[in-house]
Each structure stands twice: as C-alpha cells, then as structure tokens.
Amino acid sequence: MLTDERDAYLAHVTVERGLSTNTVAAYRRDLLRYCAFLESRGAASLVDVRRADVAAFAEAIGMGEDGRTALSPASASRTIVAVRGWHRFGLMEQWVTSDVSVEVKPRAIPKRLPKAISTDQVAAILEVAATGDGPSPLRDAALLELVYATGARISEAVGLDIDDLVMEPGEESVLLRGKGRKERVVPVGSFAARRVEAYLVRGRATFAAKGTGTAAVFLNTRGSRLSRQSAWAILKDAAERASVQDVSPHTLRHSFATHLLTGGADVRVVQELLGHASVTTTQIYTMVTQDTLREVYAASHPRAR
C-alpha cells in the first residue's frame, strides 16, 4: 500500500506539478528511504503513520540512525520536503484525515555565499574553451559564453532548442525554461551572440550530420542533445586549463549575478534574469557585493582606518 501511495504522489509531482526529472528522481530516493523506515515501525500505509514516526525519521536521517548514511543538512531538508509533500497529497486525496507531518520542519541549512569568480577568470575560461580546431571548441565556447551572458543553469542551457534562440541584430535573446518549467526571456550580449552564431554556422552541422535531426542547440559527437553532465565536464575542463580553481556547475551563473549587482544592477532585475521566484533568494548575492564595498571603502576613505 505504501508503494502504491508513493508512486501516485511521484506521478502527481511529475505530471501535475512539472518537477524536473532530477528532482523527481531525488524525491523517489528520499521516499524509498522513508518507506523502509515506516515499514520497520509497522506502518503499511500513510493512515498508519503518526507524527512521532515522521519526527523520528527526520532525526534518523541526520544522524544515520536508520542504518544508512547520515545526510547533510541540505539533503535532509530536501528529504523532509518530499515527505511533507507526500503527506499533504495523502490528505488531498483523502487517504488520511490529518497531515501528521505538518509540524515537522526541515533542518536549518547554514547560509553559504555563492561562489563567484572574477571577470578576468571568467574571460580566461571562455578564451580557453574556444581554443582548438574542429566543431567542439565552437560549441564549448558558445555554451559557456551563453551561460555566463544569461545566468542560465547548465540544465537550462542544454535544454535549449533552435526555436528558443532569437539572433536578430539588436534583438538577441534566449527563452529559458527553469524549475517547474517556468519560462523567462533573457537578453543575450554581443560576445555570446557572436559565439552562438559561429557555432550554429560552422560547428553544429558537423554534429547534426551524425544524428537523427534533433532540434537541440547544443549537440554531442553523436548528434544528440548534449547532456548536463557533459556540459559540466566542458566547464570543468576549461577551468582547469585556465588554472581557475573551485569551479562548480553554478559558477558562471553565480558570477553572472554577482557581476551584475557589482555593476549597479537592481536586485529585482537580477531576480527576473535568474528566474528566482522570490527576491529573497537573489538577495544572498548582495552579501557578496558588500564585501567588495567594504574593501573599496577601507582602501579609499581617508578615515576608514
């Protein structure tokens, strides 16, 4: 019964809520662990679950007391979000008469400042990516330039189709599909536009000739859509060759936001460009730029010291 109820909820978040494949896969893993925990306590369906069971599970995954690896605060928080969503769904479907998870809160996650690199480091990565012969450097440079120019997530960039690009002079933009399939149109700067045009004209056709006619912008050597993992590998390789340390899949996105705010962009504009649902999420970047303000103040003001 628990398995049937779990699968119904996963189908709901996939079809009705439009969560990404990666998020649904994470929810599935989380709920598999939760189901095993509930079964060990004698629960056969959601109607058998008590608040104490949910609270005990939240404690167990943080300490590894359910016989599995202890989760980080971020992973444990996501797991409890999945659990609470399942219980809310059970109430909505009238499988249960109350939501026993409502008072169980995710573990607090320490705020971490996004990792951003300097404009010189970004330029070095983009220059290195374009180095070499054949279609791959054209693709790699176009991909990374576009990610930095638009603040796109790696998954959003590789999800682009040809029809999502507008390359008319003066109107260059891209249609990005973010979390929950929310769409946003982001302008594309001249550097990225030139790189994308070069790839489309001189590089993409070589990859496409080996495929079956996909509409994807960024293709792999087999002519299929470039995967998120391959795109991350392209960034990692370029960063290593440019001698830039501590680069993650979100580095160019974080740098995009930080550099815009440092340059004077309004936080609400950056919120729209990033596709954040709340400006509160974007405001963490202002903490990064405050460090720069302090440095400039300390170095420039005659009575700062």
Protein backbone atom coordinates (compact mmCIF):
# COMPACT_ATOMS: atom_id res chain seq x y z
CA MET A 1 0.00 0.00 0.00
CA LEU A 2 2.80 2.44 0.87
CA THR A 3 4.38 1.67 -2.50
CA ASP A 4 1.15 2.45 -4.38
CA GLU A 5 0.63 5.70 -2.45
CA ARG A 6 4.23 6.73 -3.03
CA ASP A 7 4.03 6.05 -6.77
CA ALA A 8 0.80 8.03 -7.04
CA TYR A 9 2.48 11.03 -5.42
CA LEU A 10 5.54 10.79 -7.69
CA ALA A 11 3.24 10.67 -10.72
CA HIS A 12 1.50 13.77 -9.38
CA VAL A 13 4.69 15.83 -8.98
CA THR A 14 5.87 14.69 -12.42
CA VAL A 15 2.70 15.36 -14.40
CA GLU A 16 0.71 17.91 -12.45
CA ARG A 17 3.48 19.97 -10.88
CA GLY A 18 6.01 19.54 -13.68
CA LEU A 19 9.04 18.97 -11.45
CA SER A 20 12.28 18.21 -13.26
CA THR A 21 13.47 14.66 -13.86
CA ASN A 22 16.35 15.16 -11.43
CA THR A 23 14.07 16.47 -8.67
CA VAL A 24 11.60 13.60 -9.11
CA ALA A 25 14.48 11.10 -9.01
CA ALA A 26 15.70 12.68 -5.74
CA TYR A 27 12.18 12.54 -4.28
CA ARG A 28 11.94 8.88 -5.26
CA ARG A 29 15.19 8.06 -3.42
CA ASP A 30 14.04 10.06 -0.39
CA LEU A 31 10.67 8.36 -0.22
CA LEU A 32 12.15 4.90 -0.72
CA ARG A 33 14.21 5.53 2.41
CA TYR A 34 11.17 6.88 4.23
CA CYS A 35 9.04 3.89 3.27
CA ALA A 36 11.70 1.48 4.54
CA PHE A 37 11.78 3.39 7.82
CA LEU A 38 7.99 3.35 8.17
CA GLU A 39 7.79 -0.35 7.38
CA SER A 40 10.37 -1.03 10.09
CA ARG A 41 7.97 0.66 12.52
CA GLY A 42 4.99 -1.40 11.35
CA ALA A 43 3.27 1.10 9.03
CA ALA A 44 1.62 -0.41 5.96
CA SER A 45 0.10 2.80 4.55
CA LEU A 46 0.00 6.52 5.26
CA VAL A 47 -3.02 6.11 7.51
CA ASP A 48 -0.80 4.14 9.91
CA VAL A 49 1.81 6.91 10.22
CA ARG A 50 1.94 9.08 13.35
CA ARG A 51 3.65 12.40 13.95
CA ALA A 52 6.22 10.59 16.11
CA ASP A 53 7.18 8.44 13.09
CA VAL A 54 7.86 11.49 10.92
CA ALA A 55 9.82 13.23 13.68
CA ALA A 56 11.85 10.09 14.33
CA PHE A 57 12.66 9.79 10.64
CA ALA A 58 13.82 13.42 10.47
CA GLU A 59 16.16 12.74 13.38
CA ALA A 60 17.35 9.41 11.98
CA ILE A 61 18.44 10.66 8.56
CA GLY A 62 20.50 13.44 10.13
CA MET A 63 22.32 11.00 12.42
CA GLY A 64 22.34 7.91 10.22
CA GLU A 65 20.29 6.08 12.86
CA ASP A 66 18.19 4.24 10.27
CA GLY A 67 21.22 2.19 9.26
CA ARG A 68 22.08 4.36 6.26
CA THR A 69 24.47 7.20 5.61
CA ALA A 70 23.73 10.37 7.58
CA LEU A 71 22.55 13.18 5.30
CA SER A 72 23.91 16.71 5.14
CA PRO A 73 21.54 19.47 6.32
CA ALA A 74 20.70 20.33 2.69
CA SER A 75 19.93 16.72 1.72
CA ALA A 76 18.00 16.09 4.93
CA SER A 77 15.96 19.25 4.33
CA ARG A 78 15.10 18.14 0.80
CA THR A 79 14.09 14.72 2.11
CA ILE A 80 11.69 16.22 4.65
CA VAL A 81 10.23 18.46 1.94
CA ALA A 82 9.49 15.32 -0.09
CA VAL A 83 7.98 13.60 2.95
CA ARG A 84 5.75 16.55 3.82
CA GLY A 85 4.65 16.87 0.21
CA TRP A 86 3.61 13.22 0.18
CA HIS A 87 1.59 13.61 3.38
CA ARG A 88 -0.15 16.74 2.05
CA PHE A 89 -1.01 14.82 -1.09
CA GLY A 90 -2.41 11.98 1.00
CA LEU A 91 -4.68 14.45 2.79
CA MET A 92 -5.77 15.99 -0.50
CA GLU A 93 -6.60 12.52 -1.86
CA GLN A 94 -8.49 11.76 1.38
CA TRP A 95 -6.34 8.74 2.20
CA VAL A 96 -5.88 10.26 5.66
CA THR A 97 -7.89 12.67 7.80
CA SER A 98 -4.97 14.80 9.00
CA ASP A 99 -1.43 15.74 7.97
CA VAL A 100 0.86 14.30 10.65
CA SER A 101 3.96 15.85 9.04
CA VAL A 102 2.85 19.47 9.22
CA GLU A 103 4.78 20.29 12.41
CA VAL A 104 7.98 18.51 11.40
CA LYS A 105 10.33 21.12 9.99
CA PRO A 106 13.34 20.58 7.72
CA ARG A 107 16.72 21.03 9.39
CA ALA A 108 18.10 24.53 9.17
CA ILE A 109 20.64 24.92 6.37
CA PRO A 110 23.63 27.18 7.06
CA LYS A 111 23.65 30.03 4.56
CA ARG A 112 26.55 29.77 2.18
CA LEU A 113 27.60 32.58 -0.07
CA PRO A 114 27.51 31.62 -3.76
CA LYS A 115 30.93 31.02 -5.25
CA ALA A 116 31.74 33.65 -7.86
CA ILE A 117 34.96 34.20 -9.77
CA SER A 118 36.42 37.42 -11.11
CA THR A 119 35.73 38.83 -14.57
CA ASP A 120 39.34 38.08 -15.52
CA GLN A 121 38.91 34.45 -14.51
CA VAL A 122 35.68 34.20 -16.50
CA ALA A 123 37.44 35.68 -19.54
CA ALA A 124 40.27 33.16 -19.18
CA ILE A 125 37.84 30.23 -19.07
CA LEU A 126 35.93 31.47 -22.11
CA GLU A 127 39.13 32.09 -24.06
CA VAL A 128 40.48 28.62 -23.31
CA ALA A 129 37.16 26.98 -24.25
CA ALA A 130 37.41 28.47 -27.74
CA THR A 131 40.95 27.18 -28.31
CA GLY A 132 41.42 24.35 -30.77
CA ASP A 133 40.25 23.07 -34.14
CA GLY A 134 37.00 21.46 -35.23
CA PRO A 135 33.41 21.94 -34.08
CA SER A 136 33.92 21.14 -30.39
CA PRO A 137 35.69 24.40 -29.41
CA LEU A 138 33.00 26.35 -31.28
CA ARG A 139 30.30 24.54 -29.31
CA ASP A 140 32.10 24.76 -25.97
CA ALA A 141 32.77 28.49 -26.31
CA ALA A 142 29.16 29.15 -27.38
CA LEU A 143 27.79 27.12 -24.47
CA LEU A 144 29.89 28.77 -21.77
CA GLU A 145 29.51 32.27 -23.20
CA LEU A 146 25.74 31.81 -23.27
CA VAL A 147 25.62 30.52 -19.69
CA TYR A 148 27.64 33.48 -18.42
CA ALA A 149 25.75 36.00 -20.59
CA THR A 150 22.30 34.88 -19.42
CA GLY A 151 22.84 33.38 -15.97
CA ALA A 152 21.31 30.14 -17.22
CA ARG A 153 21.58 26.95 -15.26
CA ILE A 154 23.57 24.26 -17.07
CA SER A 155 20.39 22.20 -17.42
CA GLU A 156 18.56 25.18 -18.96
CA ALA A 157 21.33 25.75 -21.50
CA VAL A 158 21.49 22.14 -22.71
CA GLY A 159 17.67 22.09 -22.84
CA LEU A 160 17.59 24.82 -25.47
CA ASP A 161 16.13 24.17 -28.93
CA ILE A 162 16.87 26.20 -32.04
CA ASP A 163 13.47 27.92 -31.84
CA ASP A 164 14.36 29.21 -28.36
CA LEU A 165 17.04 31.48 -29.83
CA VAL A 166 16.46 34.92 -31.33
CA MET A 167 19.60 36.11 -33.10
CA GLU A 168 18.26 39.13 -35.00
CA PRO A 169 20.70 42.06 -34.63
CA GLY A 170 19.70 44.22 -31.71
CA GLU A 171 17.10 41.70 -30.51
CA GLU A 172 19.32 38.81 -29.39
CA SER A 173 17.61 36.82 -26.64
CA VAL A 174 17.00 33.30 -25.41
CA LEU A 175 13.96 31.53 -23.96
CA LEU A 176 14.97 29.62 -20.83
CA ARG A 177 12.84 27.04 -19.03
CA GLY A 178 13.60 26.93 -15.35
CA LYS A 179 12.36 25.00 -12.34
CA GLY A 180 8.74 23.94 -12.62
CA ARG A 181 9.01 24.64 -16.38
CA LYS A 182 8.68 28.37 -15.76
CA GLU A 183 9.77 30.31 -18.82
CA ARG A 184 11.72 33.55 -19.00
CA VAL A 185 13.24 35.52 -21.86
CA VAL A 186 16.76 36.79 -21.21
CA PRO A 187 18.75 39.15 -23.46
CA VAL A 188 22.00 37.87 -24.93
CA GLY A 189 25.08 40.09 -25.06
CA SER A 190 27.13 40.66 -28.19
CA PHE A 191 30.03 38.38 -27.18
CA ALA A 192 27.73 35.40 -26.58
CA ALA A 193 25.67 36.17 -29.69
CA ARG A 194 28.78 36.05 -31.88
CA ARG A 195 29.92 32.78 -30.31
CA VAL A 196 26.49 31.19 -30.78
CA GLU A 197 26.27 32.38 -34.38
CA ALA A 198 29.73 30.96 -35.12
CA TYR A 199 28.78 27.62 -33.63
CA LEU A 200 25.45 27.46 -35.48
CA VAL A 201 27.05 28.35 -38.81
CA ARG A 202 30.31 26.42 -38.64
CA GLY A 203 30.03 23.79 -35.91
CA ARG A 204 26.57 22.43 -35.25
CA ALA A 205 26.04 20.98 -38.72
CA THR A 206 29.03 18.67 -38.24
CA PHE A 207 27.48 17.18 -35.11
CA ALA A 208 23.96 17.15 -36.57
CA ALA A 209 25.10 15.09 -39.58
CA LYS A 210 25.71 12.16 -37.21
CA GLY A 211 22.31 12.36 -35.52
CA THR A 212 18.64 11.97 -36.34
CA GLY A 213 17.58 15.60 -36.64
CA THR A 214 17.13 16.79 -33.05
CA ALA A 215 16.20 20.45 -32.59
CA ALA A 216 18.62 20.82 -29.67
CA VAL A 217 21.05 23.73 -29.92
CA PHE A 218 23.98 22.01 -28.26
CA LEU A 219 24.84 18.57 -29.63
CA ASN A 220 27.33 15.87 -28.71
CA THR A 221 29.59 13.98 -31.10
CA ARG A 222 26.75 11.51 -31.86
CA GLY A 223 24.44 14.29 -32.96
CA SER A 224 22.21 14.01 -29.88
CA ARG A 225 21.41 16.64 -27.28
CA LEU A 226 24.38 17.43 -25.06
CA SER A 227 23.80 16.12 -21.53
CA ARG A 228 24.04 18.17 -18.37
CA GLN A 229 26.96 16.01 -17.22
CA SER A 230 28.85 16.61 -20.47
CA ALA A 231 28.26 20.35 -20.25
CA TRP A 232 29.63 20.36 -16.70
CA ALA A 233 32.67 18.40 -17.92
CA ILE A 234 33.25 21.06 -20.60
CA LEU A 235 33.24 23.81 -17.96
CA LYS A 236 35.46 21.83 -15.61
CA ASP A 237 37.99 21.11 -18.36
CA ALA A 238 38.12 24.74 -19.49
CA ALA A 239 38.56 25.92 -15.90
CA GLU A 240 41.42 23.50 -15.31
CA ARG A 241 43.17 24.61 -18.50
CA ALA A 242 42.68 28.24 -17.46
CA SER A 243 44.09 27.46 -13.97
CA VAL A 244 40.87 28.58 -12.24
CA GLN A 245 40.16 26.66 -9.03
CA ASP A 246 36.95 25.67 -7.24
CA VAL A 247 34.61 25.79 -10.22
CA SER A 248 31.16 24.19 -9.93
CA PRO A 249 28.27 23.79 -12.40
CA HIS A 250 26.76 27.01 -11.00
CA THR A 251 29.96 29.08 -11.04
CA LEU A 252 29.18 31.06 -14.20
CA ARG A 253 25.57 31.60 -13.07
CA HIS A 254 26.73 32.90 -9.69
CA SER A 255 29.34 35.08 -11.34
CA PHE A 256 26.73 36.49 -13.73
CA ALA A 257 24.57 37.59 -10.78
CA THR A 258 27.44 38.93 -8.69
CA HIS A 259 28.98 40.89 -11.56
CA LEU A 260 25.62 42.45 -12.46
CA LEU A 261 24.99 43.58 -8.89
CA THR A 262 28.54 44.87 -8.53
CA GLY A 263 27.98 46.85 -11.72
CA GLY A 264 24.90 48.52 -10.23
CA ALA A 265 22.03 46.36 -11.48
CA ASP A 266 18.84 46.39 -9.40
CA VAL A 267 18.35 43.20 -7.40
CA ARG A 268 14.82 42.76 -8.79
CA VAL A 269 16.14 42.86 -12.34
CA VAL A 270 18.69 40.20 -11.45
CA GLN A 271 15.88 38.19 -9.83
CA GLU A 272 13.96 38.18 -13.12
CA LEU A 273 17.04 37.27 -15.14
CA LEU A 274 17.89 34.37 -12.84
CA GLY A 275 14.29 33.14 -12.72
CA HIS A 276 14.10 33.23 -8.92
CA ALA A 277 10.55 33.06 -7.57
CA SER A 278 11.46 35.30 -4.63
CA VAL A 279 13.79 38.28 -4.40
CA THR A 280 14.95 36.87 -1.05
CA THR A 281 16.80 34.13 -2.92
CA THR A 282 18.60 36.70 -5.06
CA GLN A 283 19.50 38.93 -2.12
CA ILE A 284 22.13 36.49 -0.92
CA TYR A 285 24.27 37.86 -3.76
CA THR A 286 24.14 41.32 -2.21
CA MET A 287 26.10 39.88 0.70
CA VAL A 288 28.87 39.08 -1.75
CA THR A 289 28.97 42.58 -3.18
CA GLN A 290 29.01 44.10 0.33
CA ASP A 291 32.46 42.57 0.77
CA THR A 292 33.63 44.48 -2.30
CA LEU A 293 32.12 47.70 -0.96
CA ARG A 294 33.94 47.28 2.34
CA GLU A 295 37.25 46.68 0.57
CA VAL A 296 36.82 49.77 -1.60
CA TYR A 297 35.77 51.86 1.41
CA ALA A 298 38.69 50.69 3.53
CA ALA A 299 41.17 51.41 0.75
CA SER A 300 39.72 54.76 -0.31
CA HIS A 301 38.26 56.66 2.62
CA PRO A 302 40.80 58.83 4.47
CA ARG A 303 39.31 57.96 7.86
CA ALA A 304 38.41 54.35 7.21
CA ARG A 305 41.34 53.10 9.29
